[in-house]
Amino acid sequence: MHNEAYLATWTAYQSAWSHRLSARERQELLTSTVAEDCVFTDPTDQGHGHAELSAKIGGSNQRFPARRSRTRRSSITTRRR
């Protein structure tokens, strides 16, 4: 996958974390960026699938309403096989 495609996918996924999105909009972004059977982990939690990830994002947005994130273009790299 080309770097531009990685960047577009990452940007869409990162947008799913926006406070301004409805649950439906967040679900659409997750559907377009991660597999239905995705597994996510962090130091205190783990989950499986779009519904649990969407709930995790919604909970995070409630707990940290002032959180903002951004990605520098240079942090998107391509792994060659």
Protein backbone atom coordinates (compact mmCIF):
# COMPACT_ATOMS: atom_id res chain seq x y z
CA MET A 1 0.00 0.00 0.00
CA HIS A 2 1.33 3.43 -0.91
CA ASN A 3 2.07 6.02 1.80
CA GLU A 4 -0.83 8.18 0.59
CA ALA A 5 -3.21 5.27 1.12
CA TYR A 6 -1.81 4.67 4.61
CA LEU A 7 -2.21 8.35 5.40
CA ALA A 8 -5.80 8.41 4.13
CA THR A 9 -6.70 5.32 6.18
CA TRP A 10 -5.00 6.65 9.31
CA THR A 11 -6.65 10.06 8.91
CA ALA A 12 -10.10 8.46 8.60
CA TYR A 13 -9.45 6.26 11.65
CA GLN A 14 -8.18 9.21 13.65
CA SER A 15 -11.29 11.16 12.63
CA ALA A 16 -13.41 8.45 14.25
CA TRP A 17 -12.06 9.75 17.59
CA SER A 18 -13.58 13.20 17.00
CA HIS A 19 -15.90 14.54 19.69
CA ARG A 20 -18.11 16.07 17.01
CA LEU A 21 -19.22 12.80 15.42
CA SER A 22 -22.41 10.94 16.09
CA ALA A 23 -22.19 7.24 16.91
CA ARG A 24 -23.42 6.46 13.37
CA GLU A 25 -20.70 8.63 11.78
CA ARG A 26 -18.05 7.04 14.00
CA GLN A 27 -19.27 3.57 13.01
CA GLU A 28 -19.03 4.45 9.30
CA LEU A 29 -15.43 5.59 9.70
CA LEU A 30 -14.49 2.47 11.66
CA THR A 31 -16.13 0.25 9.04
CA SER A 32 -14.02 1.91 6.35
CA THR A 33 -10.72 1.70 8.24
CA VAL A 34 -10.53 -1.42 10.44
CA ALA A 35 -11.61 -5.03 10.06
CA GLU A 36 -14.87 -6.12 11.72
CA ASP A 37 -12.92 -8.64 13.78
CA CYS A 38 -10.33 -6.08 14.90
CA VAL A 39 -8.71 -6.44 18.30
CA PHE A 40 -7.64 -3.36 20.21
CA THR A 41 -5.63 -3.11 23.39
CA ASP A 42 -4.31 -0.44 25.67
CA PRO A 43 -2.67 -0.69 29.10
CA THR A 44 -6.02 -1.03 30.90
CA ASP A 45 -8.45 -2.55 28.42
CA GLN A 46 -8.97 -4.67 25.35
CA GLY A 47 -11.86 -5.30 23.03
CA HIS A 48 -12.97 -6.89 19.80
CA GLY A 49 -14.89 -5.57 16.82
CA HIS A 50 -16.37 -2.30 15.68
CA ALA A 51 -19.06 -2.05 18.38
CA GLU A 52 -16.61 -2.40 21.27
CA LEU A 53 -14.09 -0.04 19.65
CA SER A 54 -16.83 2.53 19.03
CA ALA A 55 -17.94 2.25 22.68
CA LYS A 56 -14.30 2.67 23.79
CA ILE A 57 -13.96 5.81 21.69
CA GLY A 58 -17.26 7.21 22.99
CA GLY A 59 -16.20 6.56 26.59
CA SER A 60 -12.81 8.14 26.01
CA ASN A 61 -14.44 11.21 24.49
CA GLN A 62 -16.65 11.57 27.59
CA ARG A 63 -13.77 11.13 30.03
CA PHE A 64 -11.34 13.39 28.16
CA PRO A 65 -13.46 16.04 26.42
CA ALA A 66 -10.52 18.36 25.74
CA ARG A 67 -8.33 15.67 24.14
CA ARG A 68 -6.97 16.49 20.70
CA SER A 69 -4.68 14.52 18.44
CA ARG A 70 -2.87 15.02 15.20
CA THR A 71 -0.52 13.09 12.99
CA ARG A 72 2.55 14.44 11.32
CA ARG A 73 2.81 13.28 7.75
CA SER A 74 6.36 12.05 8.37
CA SER A 75 5.13 9.49 10.92
CA ILE A 76 3.36 7.42 8.22
CA THR A 77 5.80 4.88 6.82
CA THR A 78 5.63 1.93 4.49
CA ARG A 79 6.89 -1.47 5.58
CA ARG A 80 8.30 -3.39 2.65
CA ARG A 81 8.10 -7.18 2.57
